[in-house]
Amino acid sequence: MRAQVLTLDNSQAGDIELDDAIFGIADIRSDILQRMVTWQLAKRRAGTHKVQTRNENSRTGKKMYKQKGTGGARHGSRRAPQFVGGSRAFGPVVRSHGFDLPKKVRAMALKHALSSKAKAGSLVVVDGVALDTPKTAALRERFTTLGWTKALIIAGAEVDTNFGLAARNIPHINVLPSAGLNVYDVLRADTLVLTRDAVDAINARFAPKSAAPALQEAA
């Protein structure tokens, strides 16, 4: 499929060929996208919540009173959860919330996310994102002209310094290098903007790996 290439001044800059295997998937798998987003958000969780267990509580471990003859229930320690100042039973501990997701599923999810934007007409290809001066007001006017109100902009290998400085104060505009392309940010943006370099990086990312050269037989 071919896509029109624009500039930041909203003028035409030719067109570009997009791989149908990446941007032209017709049957979008919402279940794959859901699995990928869940995986991303789970890895984002810190998992640093922690409470004291009974062996970490500094209260005395002496038996409260004798075992029998008091007419009350039998207790052995004031660290038990039912007492004031005691420890919490089955409380949270430091752990990782991440789980495994096969690489093939992750790659498939990114392809379906990109194809969903292309299918919805929310994919824009620009010639480049570079500015001479980091002026936020001027860049906001350009985005308004282009109709980008909530957009994810994927630059090339590196984000232009002036463009990154000008765009970081604009609400709902996210700028990432091509290595930072991810399913969650693609889906939550109304418009996905790719540069020519970003398209080349995506094609290289999903290009089939060449077979390893056959070992030459020893003479």
C-alpha atoms as a PDB file:
ATOM      1  CA  MET A   1       0.000   0.000   0.000  1.00  0.00           C
ATOM      2  CA  ARG A   2       1.135   3.540  -0.732  1.00  0.00           C
ATOM      3  CA  ALA A   3       0.787   6.484   1.618  1.00  0.00           C
ATOM      4  CA  GLN A   4       1.140  10.183   1.027  1.00  0.00           C
ATOM      5  CA  VAL A   5       4.065  11.927   2.710  1.00  0.00           C
ATOM      6  CA  LEU A   6       3.531  15.347   4.277  1.00  0.00           C
ATOM      7  CA  THR A   7       5.756  17.992   5.791  1.00  0.00           C
ATOM      8  CA  LEU A   8       5.242  19.897   9.033  1.00  0.00           C
ATOM      9  CA  ASP A   9       4.019  22.789   6.883  1.00  0.00           C
ATOM     10  CA  ASN A  10       1.157  20.566   5.635  1.00  0.00           C
ATOM     11  CA  SER A  11       2.527  20.340   2.107  1.00  0.00           C
ATOM     12  CA  GLN A  12       3.029  17.226   0.002  1.00  0.00           C
ATOM     13  CA  ALA A  13       6.431  15.578  -0.125  1.00  0.00           C
ATOM     14  CA  GLY A  14       5.758  12.597  -2.387  1.00  0.00           C
ATOM     15  CA  ASP A  15       4.594   9.176  -1.292  1.00  0.00           C
ATOM     16  CA  ILE A  16       5.999   6.041   0.289  1.00  0.00           C
ATOM     17  CA  GLU A  17       5.370   2.309   0.033  1.00  0.00           C
ATOM     18  CA  LEU A  18       4.136   0.636   3.216  1.00  0.00           C
ATOM     19  CA  ASP A  19       4.497  -3.098   3.710  1.00  0.00           C
ATOM     20  CA  ASP A  20       1.080  -4.790   3.672  1.00  0.00           C
ATOM     21  CA  ALA A  21       2.341  -7.422   6.113  1.00  0.00           C
ATOM     22  CA  ILE A  22       2.885  -4.668   8.692  1.00  0.00           C
ATOM     23  CA  PHE A  23       0.414  -1.905   7.830  1.00  0.00           C
ATOM     24  CA  GLY A  24      -2.191  -3.724   5.751  1.00  0.00           C
ATOM     25  CA  ILE A  25      -3.641  -6.395   8.043  1.00  0.00           C
ATOM     26  CA  ALA A  26      -7.412  -6.397   7.526  1.00  0.00           C
ATOM     27  CA  ASP A  27      -8.528  -8.674  10.381  1.00  0.00           C
ATOM     28  CA  ILE A  28      -7.350  -6.887  13.527  1.00  0.00           C
ATOM     29  CA  ARG A  29      -6.902  -9.249  16.476  1.00  0.00           C
ATOM     30  CA  SER A  30      -8.211  -7.364  19.492  1.00  0.00           C
ATOM     31  CA  ASP A  31      -7.342 -10.292  21.749  1.00  0.00           C
ATOM     32  CA  ILE A  32      -3.681 -10.042  20.795  1.00  0.00           C
ATOM     33  CA  LEU A  33      -3.709  -6.293  21.438  1.00  0.00           C
ATOM     34  CA  GLN A  34      -5.322  -6.846  24.843  1.00  0.00           C
ATOM     35  CA  ARG A  35      -2.671  -9.385  25.829  1.00  0.00           C
ATOM     36  CA  MET A  36       0.106  -7.022  24.792  1.00  0.00           C
ATOM     37  CA  VAL A  37      -1.310  -4.010  26.643  1.00  0.00           C
ATOM     38  CA  THR A  38      -1.800  -6.113  29.779  1.00  0.00           C
ATOM     39  CA  TRP A  39       1.802  -7.314  29.497  1.00  0.00           C
ATOM     40  CA  GLN A  40       3.116  -3.755  29.130  1.00  0.00           C
ATOM     41  CA  LEU A  41       1.130  -2.378  32.057  1.00  0.00           C
ATOM     42  CA  ALA A  42       2.080  -5.321  34.270  1.00  0.00           C
ATOM     43  CA  LYS A  43       5.790  -4.725  33.612  1.00  0.00           C
ATOM     44  CA  ARG A  44       5.296  -1.044  34.428  1.00  0.00           C
ATOM     45  CA  ARG A  45       4.071  -1.783  37.968  1.00  0.00           C
ATOM     46  CA  ALA A  46       6.727  -1.208  40.612  1.00  0.00           C
ATOM     47  CA  GLY A  47       5.708  -4.006  42.988  1.00  0.00           C
ATOM     48  CA  THR A  48       7.435  -2.271  45.916  1.00  0.00           C
ATOM     49  CA  HIS A  49       4.482  -2.389  48.334  1.00  0.00           C
ATOM     50  CA  LYS A  50       5.405  -4.126  51.568  1.00  0.00           C
ATOM     51  CA  VAL A  51       4.040  -4.741  55.078  1.00  0.00           C
ATOM     52  CA  GLN A  52       5.615  -6.275  58.160  1.00  0.00           C
ATOM     53  CA  THR A  53       5.166  -9.962  58.710  1.00  0.00           C
ATOM     54  CA  ARG A  54       5.229 -11.616  62.128  1.00  0.00           C
ATOM     55  CA  ASN A  55       8.937 -12.377  62.002  1.00  0.00           C
ATOM     56  CA  GLU A  56       9.679  -8.694  61.192  1.00  0.00           C
ATOM     57  CA  ASN A  57       7.567  -7.154  63.961  1.00  0.00           C
ATOM     58  CA  SER A  58       9.579  -5.714  66.851  1.00  0.00           C
ATOM     59  CA  ARG A  59       6.958  -6.532  69.514  1.00  0.00           C
ATOM     60  CA  THR A  60       7.810  -9.015  72.195  1.00  0.00           C
ATOM     61  CA  GLY A  61       7.579 -12.683  71.424  1.00  0.00           C
ATOM     62  CA  LYS A  62       6.837 -13.654  75.022  1.00  0.00           C
ATOM     63  CA  LYS A  63       3.740 -15.729  75.610  1.00  0.00           C
ATOM     64  CA  MET A  64       0.906 -13.430  76.692  1.00  0.00           C
ATOM     65  CA  TYR A  65      -0.360 -15.604  79.527  1.00  0.00           C
ATOM     66  CA  LYS A  66      -0.435 -19.223  80.538  1.00  0.00           C
ATOM     67  CA  GLN A  67      -1.937 -21.746  78.188  1.00  0.00           C
ATOM     68  CA  LYS A  68      -4.771 -22.988  80.350  1.00  0.00           C
ATOM     69  CA  GLY A  69      -6.911 -21.896  83.237  1.00  0.00           C
ATOM     70  CA  THR A  70      -7.612 -18.311  82.158  1.00  0.00           C
ATOM     71  CA  GLY A  71     -11.022 -18.924  80.599  1.00  0.00           C
ATOM     72  CA  GLY A  72      -9.890 -17.126  77.458  1.00  0.00           C
ATOM     73  CA  ALA A  73      -8.616 -18.160  74.109  1.00  0.00           C
ATOM     74  CA  ARG A  74      -5.124 -19.556  73.818  1.00  0.00           C
ATOM     75  CA  HIS A  75      -2.540 -17.115  72.425  1.00  0.00           C
ATOM     76  CA  GLY A  76       1.188 -17.320  72.092  1.00  0.00           C
ATOM     77  CA  SER A  77       2.312 -13.902  70.852  1.00  0.00           C
ATOM     78  CA  ARG A  78       1.181 -10.293  70.674  1.00  0.00           C
ATOM     79  CA  ARG A  79       2.519 -10.158  67.098  1.00  0.00           C
ATOM     80  CA  ALA A  80      -0.588 -11.973  65.859  1.00  0.00           C
ATOM     81  CA  PRO A  81      -2.754 -10.042  63.381  1.00  0.00           C
ATOM     82  CA  GLN A  82      -5.805  -9.870  65.631  1.00  0.00           C
ATOM     83  CA  PHE A  83      -4.034  -7.673  68.192  1.00  0.00           C
ATOM     84  CA  VAL A  84      -3.399  -3.944  67.987  1.00  0.00           C
ATOM     85  CA  GLY A  85       0.210  -3.462  66.914  1.00  0.00           C
ATOM     86  CA  GLY A  86       0.343  -6.941  65.450  1.00  0.00           C
ATOM     87  CA  SER A  87       1.401  -7.861  61.941  1.00  0.00           C
ATOM     88  CA  ARG A  88      -0.848  -8.094  58.929  1.00  0.00           C
ATOM     89  CA  ALA A  89      -1.860 -11.518  57.728  1.00  0.00           C
ATOM     90  CA  PHE A  90      -1.105 -12.308  54.072  1.00  0.00           C
ATOM     91  CA  GLY A  91      -0.060  -8.741  53.311  1.00  0.00           C
ATOM     92  CA  PRO A  92       1.675  -7.583  50.118  1.00  0.00           C
ATOM     93  CA  VAL A  93       5.356  -8.282  49.644  1.00  0.00           C
ATOM     94  CA  VAL A  94       7.924  -6.972  47.179  1.00  0.00           C
ATOM     95  CA  ARG A  95       7.504  -8.835  43.920  1.00  0.00           C
ATOM     96  CA  SER A  96       7.431  -8.435  40.165  1.00  0.00           C
ATOM     97  CA  HIS A  97       4.042  -8.230  38.452  1.00  0.00           C
ATOM     98  CA  GLY A  98       5.506  -9.056  35.040  1.00  0.00           C
ATOM     99  CA  PHE A  99       4.818 -12.263  33.176  1.00  0.00           C
ATOM    100  CA  ASP A 100       6.164 -13.881  30.039  1.00  0.00           C
ATOM    101  CA  LEU A 101       4.737 -13.197  26.598  1.00  0.00           C
ATOM    102  CA  PRO A 102       6.259 -14.850  23.509  1.00  0.00           C
ATOM    103  CA  LYS A 103       8.220 -12.616  21.148  1.00  0.00           C
ATOM    104  CA  LYS A 104       6.084 -13.717  18.226  1.00  0.00           C
ATOM    105  CA  VAL A 105       2.946 -12.552  20.025  1.00  0.00           C
ATOM    106  CA  ARG A 106       4.562  -9.189  20.802  1.00  0.00           C
ATOM    107  CA  ALA A 107       5.622  -8.738  17.199  1.00  0.00           C
ATOM    108  CA  MET A 108       2.151  -9.693  15.987  1.00  0.00           C
ATOM    109  CA  ALA A 109       0.549  -7.217  18.389  1.00  0.00           C
ATOM    110  CA  LEU A 110       2.675  -4.336  17.093  1.00  0.00           C
ATOM    111  CA  LYS A 111       1.803  -5.195  13.498  1.00  0.00           C
ATOM    112  CA  HIS A 112      -1.893  -5.273  14.314  1.00  0.00           C
ATOM    113  CA  ALA A 113      -1.640  -1.965  16.195  1.00  0.00           C
ATOM    114  CA  LEU A 114       0.030  -0.291  13.220  1.00  0.00           C
ATOM    115  CA  SER A 115      -2.489  -1.819  10.824  1.00  0.00           C
ATOM    116  CA  SER A 116      -5.381  -0.629  12.989  1.00  0.00           C
ATOM    117  CA  LYS A 117      -4.170   2.959  12.664  1.00  0.00           C
ATOM    118  CA  ALA A 118      -3.726   2.619   8.920  1.00  0.00           C
ATOM    119  CA  LYS A 119      -7.154   1.015   8.565  1.00  0.00           C
ATOM    120  CA  ALA A 120      -8.793   3.810  10.564  1.00  0.00           C
ATOM    121  CA  GLY A 121      -7.055   6.510   8.527  1.00  0.00           C
ATOM    122  CA  SER A 122      -5.146   7.708  11.588  1.00  0.00           C
ATOM    123  CA  LEU A 123      -1.677   6.997  10.214  1.00  0.00           C
ATOM    124  CA  VAL A 124       0.340   9.944   8.905  1.00  0.00           C
ATOM    125  CA  VAL A 125       3.785   9.796   7.313  1.00  0.00           C
ATOM    126  CA  VAL A 126       5.922  12.922   7.365  1.00  0.00           C
ATOM    127  CA  ASP A 127       9.183  13.680   5.647  1.00  0.00           C
ATOM    128  CA  GLY A 128      10.920  14.581   8.897  1.00  0.00           C
ATOM    129  CA  VAL A 129      10.544  16.282  12.263  1.00  0.00           C
ATOM    130  CA  ALA A 130      13.330  18.814  12.684  1.00  0.00           C
ATOM    131  CA  LEU A 131      13.183  22.460  13.744  1.00  0.00           C
ATOM    132  CA  ASP A 132      15.675  25.313  13.578  1.00  0.00           C
ATOM    133  CA  THR A 133      14.543  26.758  16.909  1.00  0.00           C
ATOM    134  CA  PRO A 134      12.673  25.160  19.843  1.00  0.00           C
ATOM    135  CA  LYS A 135       9.530  27.297  19.716  1.00  0.00           C
ATOM    136  CA  THR A 136       6.538  25.605  21.333  1.00  0.00           C
ATOM    137  CA  ALA A 137       3.930  28.146  20.193  1.00  0.00           C
ATOM    138  CA  ALA A 138       4.964  27.890  16.551  1.00  0.00           C
ATOM    139  CA  LEU A 139       4.948  24.092  16.671  1.00  0.00           C
ATOM    140  CA  ARG A 140       1.515  24.071  18.331  1.00  0.00           C
ATOM    141  CA  GLU A 141       0.147  26.126  15.448  1.00  0.00           C
ATOM    142  CA  ARG A 142       1.533  23.611  12.972  1.00  0.00           C
ATOM    143  CA  PHE A 143      -0.080  20.746  14.862  1.00  0.00           C
ATOM    144  CA  THR A 144      -3.397  22.607  14.894  1.00  0.00           C
ATOM    145  CA  THR A 145      -3.192  23.081  11.124  1.00  0.00           C
ATOM    146  CA  LEU A 146      -2.425  19.397  10.658  1.00  0.00           C
ATOM    147  CA  GLY A 147      -5.222  18.386  13.061  1.00  0.00           C
ATOM    148  CA  TRP A 148      -2.933  16.623  15.544  1.00  0.00           C
ATOM    149  CA  THR A 149      -4.522  17.040  18.961  1.00  0.00           C
ATOM    150  CA  LYS A 150      -3.581  13.717  20.552  1.00  0.00           C
ATOM    151  CA  ALA A 151      -0.727  12.225  18.594  1.00  0.00           C
ATOM    152  CA  LEU A 152       2.192   9.851  18.949  1.00  0.00           C
ATOM    153  CA  ILE A 153       5.128  10.980  16.829  1.00  0.00           C
ATOM    154  CA  ILE A 154       7.811   8.405  16.041  1.00  0.00           C
ATOM    155  CA  ALA A 155      11.007  10.048  14.841  1.00  0.00           C
ATOM    156  CA  GLY A 156      14.057   8.273  13.474  1.00  0.00           C
ATOM    157  CA  ALA A 157      16.853   6.730  15.473  1.00  0.00           C
ATOM    158  CA  GLU A 158      17.054   9.931  17.539  1.00  0.00           C
ATOM    159  CA  VAL A 159      14.603  12.739  18.240  1.00  0.00           C
ATOM    160  CA  ASP A 160      15.679  16.147  16.987  1.00  0.00           C
ATOM    161  CA  THR A 161      16.688  18.210  20.021  1.00  0.00           C
ATOM    162  CA  ASN A 162      14.785  21.353  19.032  1.00  0.00           C
ATOM    163  CA  PHE A 163      11.684  19.382  18.085  1.00  0.00           C
ATOM    164  CA  GLY A 164      11.727  17.445  21.338  1.00  0.00           C
ATOM    165  CA  LEU A 165      12.083  20.622  23.403  1.00  0.00           C
ATOM    166  CA  ALA A 166       9.265  22.349  21.521  1.00  0.00           C
ATOM    167  CA  ALA A 167       6.880  19.386  21.698  1.00  0.00           C
ATOM    168  CA  ARG A 168       7.349  18.333  25.303  1.00  0.00           C
ATOM    169  CA  ASN A 169       5.135  21.137  26.666  1.00  0.00           C
ATOM    170  CA  ILE A 170       2.252  20.472  24.271  1.00  0.00           C
ATOM    171  CA  PRO A 171      -0.487  18.395  25.966  1.00  0.00           C
ATOM    172  CA  HIS A 172      -1.322  14.973  24.523  1.00  0.00           C
ATOM    173  CA  ILE A 173       1.693  15.007  22.187  1.00  0.00           C
ATOM    174  CA  ASN A 174       4.199  12.211  22.716  1.00  0.00           C
ATOM    175  CA  VAL A 175       7.474  12.031  20.812  1.00  0.00           C
ATOM    176  CA  LEU A 176       9.557   8.860  20.807  1.00  0.00           C
ATOM    177  CA  PRO A 177      12.496   7.471  18.843  1.00  0.00           C
ATOM    178  CA  SER A 178      11.867   4.512  16.592  1.00  0.00           C
ATOM    179  CA  ALA A 179      13.221   2.157  19.254  1.00  0.00           C
ATOM    180  CA  GLY A 180      10.488   3.325  21.649  1.00  0.00           C
ATOM    181  CA  LEU A 181       7.581   2.310  19.410  1.00  0.00           C
ATOM    182  CA  ASN A 182       5.130   0.261  21.495  1.00  0.00           C
ATOM    183  CA  VAL A 183       1.572  -1.003  21.287  1.00  0.00           C
ATOM    184  CA  TYR A 184       0.162   0.822  24.323  1.00  0.00           C
ATOM    185  CA  ASP A 185       1.211   4.298  23.163  1.00  0.00           C
ATOM    186  CA  VAL A 186       0.062   3.569  19.598  1.00  0.00           C
ATOM    187  CA  LEU A 187      -3.423   2.536  20.702  1.00  0.00           C
ATOM    188  CA  ARG A 188      -4.018   5.399  23.134  1.00  0.00           C
ATOM    189  CA  ALA A 189      -3.079   8.063  20.564  1.00  0.00           C
ATOM    190  CA  ASP A 190      -5.679   9.371  18.131  1.00  0.00           C
ATOM    191  CA  THR A 191      -3.059   9.942  15.406  1.00  0.00           C
ATOM    192  CA  LEU A 192       0.122   7.994  14.726  1.00  0.00           C
ATOM    193  CA  VAL A 193       2.798  10.034  12.958  1.00  0.00           C
ATOM    194  CA  LEU A 194       5.773   8.255  11.407  1.00  0.00           C
ATOM    195  CA  THR A 195       8.762   9.789   9.697  1.00  0.00           C
ATOM    196  CA  ARG A 196      10.419   8.209   6.670  1.00  0.00           C
ATOM    197  CA  ASP A 197      13.245   7.063   8.918  1.00  0.00           C
ATOM    198  CA  ALA A 198      10.736   5.522  11.316  1.00  0.00           C
ATOM    199  CA  VAL A 199       9.096   3.568   8.477  1.00  0.00           C
ATOM    200  CA  ASP A 200      12.508   2.289   7.405  1.00  0.00           C
ATOM    201  CA  ALA A 201      13.286   1.280  10.985  1.00  0.00           C
ATOM    202  CA  ILE A 202       9.964  -0.576  11.284  1.00  0.00           C
ATOM    203  CA  ASN A 203      10.595  -2.420   8.029  1.00  0.00           C
ATOM    204  CA  ALA A 204      14.061  -3.378   9.222  1.00  0.00           C
ATOM    205  CA  ARG A 205      12.635  -4.488  12.563  1.00  0.00           C
ATOM    206  CA  PHE A 206      10.261  -6.968  10.952  1.00  0.00           C
ATOM    207  CA  ALA A 207      12.515  -7.980   8.061  1.00  0.00           C
ATOM    208  CA  PRO A 208      13.101 -11.748   7.931  1.00  0.00           C
ATOM    209  CA  LYS A 209      16.444 -12.724   9.307  1.00  0.00           C
ATOM    210  CA  SER A 210      18.847 -13.985   6.691  1.00  0.00           C
ATOM    211  CA  ALA A 211      19.906 -17.575   6.968  1.00  0.00           C
ATOM    212  CA  ALA A 212      23.304 -18.158   8.497  1.00  0.00           C
ATOM    213  CA  PRO A 213      25.951 -18.847   5.833  1.00  0.00           C
ATOM    214  CA  ALA A 214      26.762 -22.483   5.445  1.00  0.00           C
ATOM    215  CA  LEU A 215      30.039 -23.550   6.956  1.00  0.00           C
ATOM    216  CA  GLN A 216      32.667 -24.346   4.375  1.00  0.00           C
ATOM    217  CA  GLU A 217      34.013 -27.802   4.551  1.00  0.00           C
ATOM    218  CA  ALA A 218      37.581 -28.079   5.611  1.00  0.00           C
ATOM    219  CA  ALA A 219      39.955 -28.749   2.741  1.00  0.00           C
END
